[in-house]
């Protein structure tokens, strides 16, 4: 029975991955992500059911649009596969006993995937996505309080770190007299606060440390006009979430 559930979770992750590609494309263009038929970004031809099956459509179409022959970015396929494995990995490490908590994690991660994609392409974190993440985090806190697993220290400490970054940014903006030269954007600071609100201070601070190293690797590979820290913070946070049960004692030590 558990095997069937894990397969279902993997397939759900793949479907979510397909939605992420749509959301990353439409949100910056102010397009509706719920209504409106999907279309080819090259010829604008509306796509049918057989063009939209996650993974399989890409394979059967040979990575090309059925209507204009334009190549489909392989990153769409990779994101679908990656999303499936992330959903599965979190289920395997956290277990499926507390399915409600698992759903909260998936809902928040969904927003993280979209934020990462948009930040990587547009160097921005939309306020609408921050509001969505805020609602998920608040409802998760209420659920934690109801199940008596809430620890106020995790939340209070998690809000201190973004506050420090905010103060530093204000100081830099005064020093340089140009807000465009501050090291971290306000979108990144809000995103960091939301991660802390959802997952607590230990995961937040560990994600910051890991994201620093991941960002350095990214800088060596890419030439950025500015660093999409939200993208790398997402990667780091997902890494920490997957291994969290194995480093739980170390993470708890951080809060003492």
C-alpha atoms as a PDB file:
ATOM      1  CA  UNK A   1       0.000   0.000   0.000  1.00  0.00           C
ATOM      2  CA  UNK A   2       2.828   2.399   0.902  1.00  0.00           C
ATOM      3  CA  UNK A   3       4.457   1.780  -2.473  1.00  0.00           C
ATOM      4  CA  UNK A   4       1.266   2.899  -4.236  1.00  0.00           C
ATOM      5  CA  UNK A   5       1.201   6.081  -2.141  1.00  0.00           C
ATOM      6  CA  UNK A   6       4.834   6.862  -2.957  1.00  0.00           C
ATOM      7  CA  UNK A   7       4.190   6.325  -6.668  1.00  0.00           C
ATOM      8  CA  UNK A   8       1.157   8.629  -6.424  1.00  0.00           C
ATOM      9  CA  UNK A   9       3.285  11.275  -4.686  1.00  0.00           C
ATOM     10  CA  UNK A  10       5.952  11.027  -7.401  1.00  0.00           C
ATOM     11  CA  UNK A  11       3.345  11.412 -10.150  1.00  0.00           C
ATOM     12  CA  UNK A  12       1.770  14.322  -8.283  1.00  0.00           C
ATOM     13  CA  UNK A  13       5.170  15.992  -8.150  1.00  0.00           C
ATOM     14  CA  UNK A  14       5.538  15.579 -11.910  1.00  0.00           C
ATOM     15  CA  UNK A  15       2.124  17.155 -12.516  1.00  0.00           C
ATOM     16  CA  UNK A  16       3.031  20.021 -10.203  1.00  0.00           C
ATOM     17  CA  UNK A  17       6.280  20.417 -12.140  1.00  0.00           C
ATOM     18  CA  UNK A  18       4.296  20.876 -15.335  1.00  0.00           C
ATOM     19  CA  UNK A  19       2.236  23.566 -13.613  1.00  0.00           C
ATOM     20  CA  UNK A  20       5.402  25.272 -12.362  1.00  0.00           C
ATOM     21  CA  UNK A  21       6.644  25.789 -15.924  1.00  0.00           C
ATOM     22  CA  UNK A  22       3.318  27.371 -16.845  1.00  0.00           C
ATOM     23  CA  UNK A  23       3.319  29.629 -13.781  1.00  0.00           C
ATOM     24  CA  UNK A  24       6.929  30.750 -14.267  1.00  0.00           C
ATOM     25  CA  UNK A  25       6.081  31.766 -17.837  1.00  0.00           C
ATOM     26  CA  UNK A  26       2.716  33.433 -17.176  1.00  0.00           C
ATOM     27  CA  UNK A  27       3.091  35.257 -13.851  1.00  0.00           C
ATOM     28  CA  UNK A  28       5.766  37.754 -14.982  1.00  0.00           C
ATOM     29  CA  UNK A  29       3.620  38.448 -18.066  1.00  0.00           C
ATOM     30  CA  UNK A  30       0.543  39.105 -15.892  1.00  0.00           C
ATOM     31  CA  UNK A  31      -1.294  36.182 -17.509  1.00  0.00           C
ATOM     32  CA  UNK A  32      -3.871  34.085 -15.680  1.00  0.00           C
ATOM     33  CA  UNK A  33      -2.414  30.815 -14.392  1.00  0.00           C
ATOM     34  CA  UNK A  34      -5.800  29.159 -13.812  1.00  0.00           C
ATOM     35  CA  UNK A  35      -7.802  30.018 -16.920  1.00  0.00           C
ATOM     36  CA  UNK A  36      -6.701  30.162 -20.512  1.00  0.00           C
ATOM     37  CA  UNK A  37      -5.473  27.367 -22.745  1.00  0.00           C
ATOM     38  CA  UNK A  38      -1.767  26.611 -22.831  1.00  0.00           C
ATOM     39  CA  UNK A  39      -0.074  27.573 -26.066  1.00  0.00           C
ATOM     40  CA  UNK A  40       3.258  27.252 -27.826  1.00  0.00           C
ATOM     41  CA  UNK A  41       5.492  30.162 -26.845  1.00  0.00           C
ATOM     42  CA  UNK A  42       6.853  30.304 -30.404  1.00  0.00           C
ATOM     43  CA  UNK A  43       3.803  30.012 -32.706  1.00  0.00           C
ATOM     44  CA  UNK A  44       1.081  30.673 -30.076  1.00  0.00           C
ATOM     45  CA  UNK A  45      -0.906  27.653 -31.280  1.00  0.00           C
ATOM     46  CA  UNK A  46      -3.171  26.333 -28.542  1.00  0.00           C
ATOM     47  CA  UNK A  47      -2.018  22.999 -27.198  1.00  0.00           C
ATOM     48  CA  UNK A  48      -4.241  19.940 -26.969  1.00  0.00           C
ATOM     49  CA  UNK A  49      -4.462  17.256 -24.298  1.00  0.00           C
ATOM     50  CA  UNK A  50      -1.829  15.054 -25.944  1.00  0.00           C
ATOM     51  CA  UNK A  51       0.612  17.969 -25.997  1.00  0.00           C
ATOM     52  CA  UNK A  52       0.372  18.509 -22.255  1.00  0.00           C
ATOM     53  CA  UNK A  53       1.031  15.105 -20.697  1.00  0.00           C
ATOM     54  CA  UNK A  54       4.002  15.614 -18.351  1.00  0.00           C
ATOM     55  CA  UNK A  55       7.245  13.962 -19.565  1.00  0.00           C
ATOM     56  CA  UNK A  56       5.512  11.699 -22.110  1.00  0.00           C
ATOM     57  CA  UNK A  57       4.471  14.526 -24.442  1.00  0.00           C
ATOM     58  CA  UNK A  58       8.040  15.818 -24.595  1.00  0.00           C
ATOM     59  CA  UNK A  59       9.375  12.346 -25.401  1.00  0.00           C
ATOM     60  CA  UNK A  60       6.759  11.450 -28.035  1.00  0.00           C
ATOM     61  CA  UNK A  61       7.024  14.865 -29.700  1.00  0.00           C
ATOM     62  CA  UNK A  62      10.800  14.574 -29.846  1.00  0.00           C
ATOM     63  CA  UNK A  63      11.204  17.764 -27.844  1.00  0.00           C
ATOM     64  CA  UNK A  64       9.537  19.856 -30.552  1.00  0.00           C
ATOM     65  CA  UNK A  65       6.248  21.695 -30.981  1.00  0.00           C
ATOM     66  CA  UNK A  66       3.757  19.579 -32.921  1.00  0.00           C
ATOM     67  CA  UNK A  67       2.586  22.617 -34.895  1.00  0.00           C
ATOM     68  CA  UNK A  68       5.664  24.723 -35.728  1.00  0.00           C
ATOM     69  CA  UNK A  69       8.517  22.321 -35.082  1.00  0.00           C
ATOM     70  CA  UNK A  70      10.261  24.733 -32.702  1.00  0.00           C
ATOM     71  CA  UNK A  71      12.364  23.048 -30.047  1.00  0.00           C
ATOM     72  CA  UNK A  72      10.845  22.876 -26.572  1.00  0.00           C
ATOM     73  CA  UNK A  73      13.277  23.851 -23.835  1.00  0.00           C
ATOM     74  CA  UNK A  74      14.576  20.736 -22.147  1.00  0.00           C
ATOM     75  CA  UNK A  75      14.404  22.522 -18.816  1.00  0.00           C
ATOM     76  CA  UNK A  76      10.622  21.946 -18.880  1.00  0.00           C
ATOM     77  CA  UNK A  77      11.201  18.200 -18.955  1.00  0.00           C
ATOM     78  CA  UNK A  78      13.934  18.385 -16.322  1.00  0.00           C
ATOM     79  CA  UNK A  79      11.760  20.480 -14.001  1.00  0.00           C
ATOM     80  CA  UNK A  80       8.930  17.946 -14.201  1.00  0.00           C
ATOM     81  CA  UNK A  81      11.268  15.067 -13.385  1.00  0.00           C
ATOM     82  CA  UNK A  82      13.046  17.033 -10.657  1.00  0.00           C
ATOM     83  CA  UNK A  83       9.742  18.034  -9.041  1.00  0.00           C
ATOM     84  CA  UNK A  84       8.634  14.413  -8.948  1.00  0.00           C
ATOM     85  CA  UNK A  85      11.856  13.318  -7.259  1.00  0.00           C
ATOM     86  CA  UNK A  86      11.743  16.191  -4.741  1.00  0.00           C
ATOM     87  CA  UNK A  87       8.178  15.301  -3.730  1.00  0.00           C
ATOM     88  CA  UNK A  88       9.162  11.648  -3.440  1.00  0.00           C
ATOM     89  CA  UNK A  89      12.375  12.345  -1.518  1.00  0.00           C
ATOM     90  CA  UNK A  90      10.574  14.464   1.071  1.00  0.00           C
ATOM     91  CA  UNK A  91       7.918  11.767   1.511  1.00  0.00           C
ATOM     92  CA  UNK A  92      10.579   9.085   1.931  1.00  0.00           C
ATOM     93  CA  UNK A  93      12.609  11.015   4.508  1.00  0.00           C
ATOM     94  CA  UNK A  94       9.732  12.591   6.450  1.00  0.00           C
ATOM     95  CA  UNK A  95       7.361   9.644   6.182  1.00  0.00           C
ATOM     96  CA  UNK A  96       3.724   9.610   5.134  1.00  0.00           C
ATOM     97  CA  UNK A  97       2.225   9.124   8.580  1.00  0.00           C
ATOM     98  CA  UNK A  98       1.489  12.835   9.045  1.00  0.00           C
ATOM     99  CA  UNK A  99      -0.032  13.445   5.632  1.00  0.00           C
ATOM    100  CA  UNK A 100      -1.452  16.856   6.631  1.00  0.00           C
ATOM    101  CA  UNK A 101       1.976  18.246   7.516  1.00  0.00           C
ATOM    102  CA  UNK A 102       3.354  16.733   4.310  1.00  0.00           C
ATOM    103  CA  UNK A 103       0.691  18.537   2.288  1.00  0.00           C
ATOM    104  CA  UNK A 104       1.624  21.842   3.916  1.00  0.00           C
ATOM    105  CA  UNK A 105       5.254  21.260   2.929  1.00  0.00           C
ATOM    106  CA  UNK A 106       4.260  20.491  -0.666  1.00  0.00           C
ATOM    107  CA  UNK A 107       2.041  23.565  -0.888  1.00  0.00           C
ATOM    108  CA  UNK A 108       4.860  25.788   0.314  1.00  0.00           C
ATOM    109  CA  UNK A 109       7.421  24.096  -1.922  1.00  0.00           C
ATOM    110  CA  UNK A 110       5.124  24.699  -4.896  1.00  0.00           C
ATOM    111  CA  UNK A 111       5.472  28.415  -4.304  1.00  0.00           C
ATOM    112  CA  UNK A 112       9.224  28.020  -3.830  1.00  0.00           C
ATOM    113  CA  UNK A 113       9.640  26.334  -7.206  1.00  0.00           C
ATOM    114  CA  UNK A 114       7.782  29.137  -8.961  1.00  0.00           C
ATOM    115  CA  UNK A 115       9.674  31.835  -7.056  1.00  0.00           C
ATOM    116  CA  UNK A 116      12.981  30.190  -7.993  1.00  0.00           C
ATOM    117  CA  UNK A 117      12.069  30.027 -11.675  1.00  0.00           C
ATOM    118  CA  UNK A 118      10.939  33.644 -11.864  1.00  0.00           C
ATOM    119  CA  UNK A 119      13.887  34.934  -9.839  1.00  0.00           C
ATOM    120  CA  UNK A 120      16.303  33.036 -12.081  1.00  0.00           C
ATOM    121  CA  UNK A 121      14.811  34.605 -15.219  1.00  0.00           C
ATOM    122  CA  UNK A 122      13.558  38.022 -14.109  1.00  0.00           C
ATOM    123  CA  UNK A 123      15.559  38.742 -10.930  1.00  0.00           C
ATOM    124  CA  UNK A 124      12.397  39.414  -8.966  1.00  0.00           C
ATOM    125  CA  UNK A 125      10.146  37.729  -6.434  1.00  0.00           C
ATOM    126  CA  UNK A 126       6.481  38.673  -7.072  1.00  0.00           C
ATOM    127  CA  UNK A 127       4.504  39.964  -4.099  1.00  0.00           C
ATOM    128  CA  UNK A 128       1.574  37.728  -5.054  1.00  0.00           C
ATOM    129  CA  UNK A 129       3.687  34.633  -4.486  1.00  0.00           C
ATOM    130  CA  UNK A 130       4.941  36.014  -1.166  1.00  0.00           C
ATOM    131  CA  UNK A 131       1.323  36.493  -0.058  1.00  0.00           C
ATOM    132  CA  UNK A 132       0.511  32.912  -1.089  1.00  0.00           C
ATOM    133  CA  UNK A 133       3.503  31.593   0.899  1.00  0.00           C
ATOM    134  CA  UNK A 134       2.464  33.731   3.875  1.00  0.00           C
ATOM    135  CA  UNK A 135      -1.010  32.162   3.958  1.00  0.00           C
ATOM    136  CA  UNK A 136       0.440  28.641   3.751  1.00  0.00           C
ATOM    137  CA  UNK A 137       2.919  29.424   6.543  1.00  0.00           C
ATOM    138  CA  UNK A 138       0.251  30.934   8.810  1.00  0.00           C
ATOM    139  CA  UNK A 139      -2.116  27.986   8.375  1.00  0.00           C
ATOM    140  CA  UNK A 140       0.799  25.638   9.018  1.00  0.00           C
ATOM    141  CA  UNK A 141       1.576  27.510  12.252  1.00  0.00           C
ATOM    142  CA  UNK A 142      -2.066  27.201  13.314  1.00  0.00           C
ATOM    143  CA  UNK A 143      -1.972  23.485  12.553  1.00  0.00           C
ATOM    144  CA  UNK A 144       1.262  23.119  14.546  1.00  0.00           C
ATOM    145  CA  UNK A 145      -0.316  24.938  17.485  1.00  0.00           C
ATOM    146  CA  UNK A 146      -3.401  22.697  17.280  1.00  0.00           C
ATOM    147  CA  UNK A 147      -1.272  19.531  17.243  1.00  0.00           C
ATOM    148  CA  UNK A 148       0.916  20.892  20.071  1.00  0.00           C
ATOM    149  CA  UNK A 149       4.072  20.765  17.935  1.00  0.00           C
ATOM    150  CA  UNK A 150       4.481  24.552  17.887  1.00  0.00           C
ATOM    151  CA  UNK A 151       7.666  26.076  19.337  1.00  0.00           C
ATOM    152  CA  UNK A 152       7.484  29.869  19.486  1.00  0.00           C
ATOM    153  CA  UNK A 153      11.304  30.133  19.540  1.00  0.00           C
ATOM    154  CA  UNK A 154      11.529  28.726  16.017  1.00  0.00           C
ATOM    155  CA  UNK A 155       9.265  31.525  14.776  1.00  0.00           C
ATOM    156  CA  UNK A 156      10.681  34.426  16.813  1.00  0.00           C
ATOM    157  CA  UNK A 157      14.306  33.646  15.942  1.00  0.00           C
ATOM    158  CA  UNK A 158      13.350  33.156  12.299  1.00  0.00           C
ATOM    159  CA  UNK A 159      12.079  36.731  12.081  1.00  0.00           C
ATOM    160  CA  UNK A 160      15.240  38.195  13.623  1.00  0.00           C
ATOM    161  CA  UNK A 161      17.497  37.142  10.726  1.00  0.00           C
ATOM    162  CA  UNK A 162      15.487  38.931   7.979  1.00  0.00           C
ATOM    163  CA  UNK A 163      15.272  41.974  10.270  1.00  0.00           C
ATOM    164  CA  UNK A 164      19.071  42.065  10.487  1.00  0.00           C
ATOM    165  CA  UNK A 165      19.335  41.818   6.694  1.00  0.00           C
ATOM    166  CA  UNK A 166      16.763  44.611   6.346  1.00  0.00           C
ATOM    167  CA  UNK A 167      18.725  46.913   8.659  1.00  0.00           C
ATOM    168  CA  UNK A 168      21.960  46.154   6.796  1.00  0.00           C
ATOM    169  CA  UNK A 169      20.270  46.909   3.486  1.00  0.00           C
ATOM    170  CA  UNK A 170      19.046  50.245   4.829  1.00  0.00           C
ATOM    171  CA  UNK A 171      22.552  51.089   5.982  1.00  0.00           C
ATOM    172  CA  UNK A 172      24.012  50.174   2.583  1.00  0.00           C
ATOM    173  CA  UNK A 173      21.367  52.203   0.762  1.00  0.00           C
ATOM    174  CA  UNK A 174      22.269  55.247   2.876  1.00  0.00           C
ATOM    175  CA  UNK A 175      25.985  54.622   2.388  1.00  0.00           C
ATOM    176  CA  UNK A 176      25.781  54.232  -1.395  1.00  0.00           C
ATOM    177  CA  UNK A 177      22.780  56.573  -1.779  1.00  0.00           C
ATOM    178  CA  UNK A 178      21.417  54.070  -4.282  1.00  0.00           C
ATOM    179  CA  UNK A 179      19.007  51.254  -3.374  1.00  0.00           C
ATOM    180  CA  UNK A 180      20.069  49.344  -6.500  1.00  0.00           C
ATOM    181  CA  UNK A 181      23.487  48.758  -4.934  1.00  0.00           C
ATOM    182  CA  UNK A 182      22.280  47.036  -1.776  1.00  0.00           C
ATOM    183  CA  UNK A 183      23.589  43.439  -1.463  1.00  0.00           C
ATOM    184  CA  UNK A 184      20.190  41.798  -0.928  1.00  0.00           C
ATOM    185  CA  UNK A 185      16.855  42.905  -2.361  1.00  0.00           C
ATOM    186  CA  UNK A 186      13.725  43.342  -0.288  1.00  0.00           C
ATOM    187  CA  UNK A 187      12.130  40.467  -2.171  1.00  0.00           C
ATOM    188  CA  UNK A 188      14.885  38.139  -0.968  1.00  0.00           C
ATOM    189  CA  UNK A 189      14.467  39.385   2.604  1.00  0.00           C
ATOM    190  CA  UNK A 190      10.705  38.780   2.533  1.00  0.00           C
ATOM    191  CA  UNK A 191      11.276  35.338   1.045  1.00  0.00           C
ATOM    192  CA  UNK A 192      13.806  34.516   3.761  1.00  0.00           C
ATOM    193  CA  UNK A 193      11.315  35.572   6.431  1.00  0.00           C
ATOM    194  CA  UNK A 194       8.633  33.346   4.903  1.00  0.00           C
ATOM    195  CA  UNK A 195      10.965  30.333   4.869  1.00  0.00           C
ATOM    196  CA  UNK A 196      11.685  30.931   8.551  1.00  0.00           C
ATOM    197  CA  UNK A 197       8.004  31.383   9.354  1.00  0.00           C
ATOM    198  CA  UNK A 198       7.176  28.098   7.638  1.00  0.00           C
ATOM    199  CA  UNK A 199      10.078  25.864   8.634  1.00  0.00           C
ATOM    200  CA  UNK A 200      11.612  27.581  11.651  1.00  0.00           C
ATOM    201  CA  UNK A 201      14.938  29.166  12.508  1.00  0.00           C
ATOM    202  CA  UNK A 202      17.222  26.068  12.334  1.00  0.00           C
ATOM    203  CA  UNK A 203      16.239  25.251   8.740  1.00  0.00           C
ATOM    204  CA  UNK A 204      16.298  28.933   7.808  1.00  0.00           C
ATOM    205  CA  UNK A 205      19.836  29.574   9.065  1.00  0.00           C
ATOM    206  CA  UNK A 206      21.142  26.281   7.654  1.00  0.00           C
ATOM    207  CA  UNK A 207      19.628  27.170   4.270  1.00  0.00           C
ATOM    208  CA  UNK A 208      21.380  30.547   4.347  1.00  0.00           C
ATOM    209  CA  UNK A 209      24.747  28.881   4.920  1.00  0.00           C
ATOM    210  CA  UNK A 210      24.257  26.269   2.206  1.00  0.00           C
ATOM    211  CA  UNK A 211      22.828  28.817  -0.246  1.00  0.00           C
ATOM    212  CA  UNK A 212      26.001  30.884   0.148  1.00  0.00           C
ATOM    213  CA  UNK A 213      28.119  28.018  -1.181  1.00  0.00           C
ATOM    214  CA  UNK A 214      25.574  27.118  -3.879  1.00  0.00           C
ATOM    215  CA  UNK A 215      25.483  30.766  -4.979  1.00  0.00           C
ATOM    216  CA  UNK A 216      29.267  30.886  -5.276  1.00  0.00           C
ATOM    217  CA  UNK A 217      29.143  27.856  -7.580  1.00  0.00           C
ATOM    218  CA  UNK A 218      26.413  29.559  -9.605  1.00  0.00           C
ATOM    219  CA  UNK A 219      28.487  32.712  -9.952  1.00  0.00           C
ATOM    220  CA  UNK A 220      31.389  30.689 -11.308  1.00  0.00           C
ATOM    221  CA  UNK A 221      29.135  29.044 -13.905  1.00  0.00           C
ATOM    222  CA  UNK A 222      26.931  31.977 -14.922  1.00  0.00           C
ATOM    223  CA  UNK A 223      27.549  35.631 -15.558  1.00  0.00           C
ATOM    224  CA  UNK A 224      24.811  37.430 -13.692  1.00  0.00           C
ATOM    225  CA  UNK A 225      23.937  41.094 -13.974  1.00  0.00           C
ATOM    226  CA  UNK A 226      22.668  40.552 -10.441  1.00  0.00           C
ATOM    227  CA  UNK A 227      22.522  37.450  -8.267  1.00  0.00           C
ATOM    228  CA  UNK A 228      19.141  35.640  -8.077  1.00  0.00           C
ATOM    229  CA  UNK A 229      19.578  34.673  -4.430  1.00  0.00           C
ATOM    230  CA  UNK A 230      15.962  33.541  -4.159  1.00  0.00           C
ATOM    231  CA  UNK A 231      16.740  30.837  -6.722  1.00  0.00           C
ATOM    232  CA  UNK A 232      19.720  29.535  -4.778  1.00  0.00           C
ATOM    233  CA  UNK A 233      17.945  29.903  -1.440  1.00  0.00           C
ATOM    234  CA  UNK A 234      15.205  27.656  -2.817  1.00  0.00           C
ATOM    235  CA  UNK A 235      17.732  24.997  -3.848  1.00  0.00           C
ATOM    236  CA  UNK A 236      19.417  25.124  -0.441  1.00  0.00           C
ATOM    237  CA  UNK A 237      16.141  24.975   1.508  1.00  0.00           C
ATOM    238  CA  UNK A 238      14.901  21.965  -0.456  1.00  0.00           C
ATOM    239  CA  UNK A 239      18.231  20.224   0.173  1.00  0.00           C
ATOM    240  CA  UNK A 240      17.902  20.870   3.914  1.00  0.00           C
ATOM    241  CA  UNK A 241      14.266  19.699   3.970  1.00  0.00           C
ATOM    242  CA  UNK A 242      15.173  16.407   2.329  1.00  0.00           C
ATOM    243  CA  UNK A 243      17.932  15.613   4.826  1.00  0.00           C
ATOM    244  CA  UNK A 244      16.232  17.243   7.831  1.00  0.00           C
ATOM    245  CA  UNK A 245      15.260  13.989   9.603  1.00  0.00           C
ATOM    246  CA  UNK A 246      18.888  12.840   9.465  1.00  0.00           C
ATOM    247  CA  UNK A 247      20.282  16.051  10.948  1.00  0.00           C
ATOM    248  CA  UNK A 248      17.413  16.823  13.327  1.00  0.00           C
ATOM    249  CA  UNK A 249      19.612  16.691  16.432  1.00  0.00           C
ATOM    250  CA  UNK A 250      22.085  19.124  14.892  1.00  0.00           C
ATOM    251  CA  UNK A 251      19.299  21.482  13.836  1.00  0.00           C
ATOM    252  CA  UNK A 252      17.744  21.410  17.306  1.00  0.00           C
ATOM    253  CA  UNK A 253      21.130  22.266  18.803  1.00  0.00           C
ATOM    254  CA  UNK A 254      21.068  25.555  16.841  1.00  0.00           C
ATOM    255  CA  UNK A 255      18.003  26.784  18.721  1.00  0.00           C
ATOM    256  CA  UNK A 256      19.351  26.048  22.214  1.00  0.00           C
END
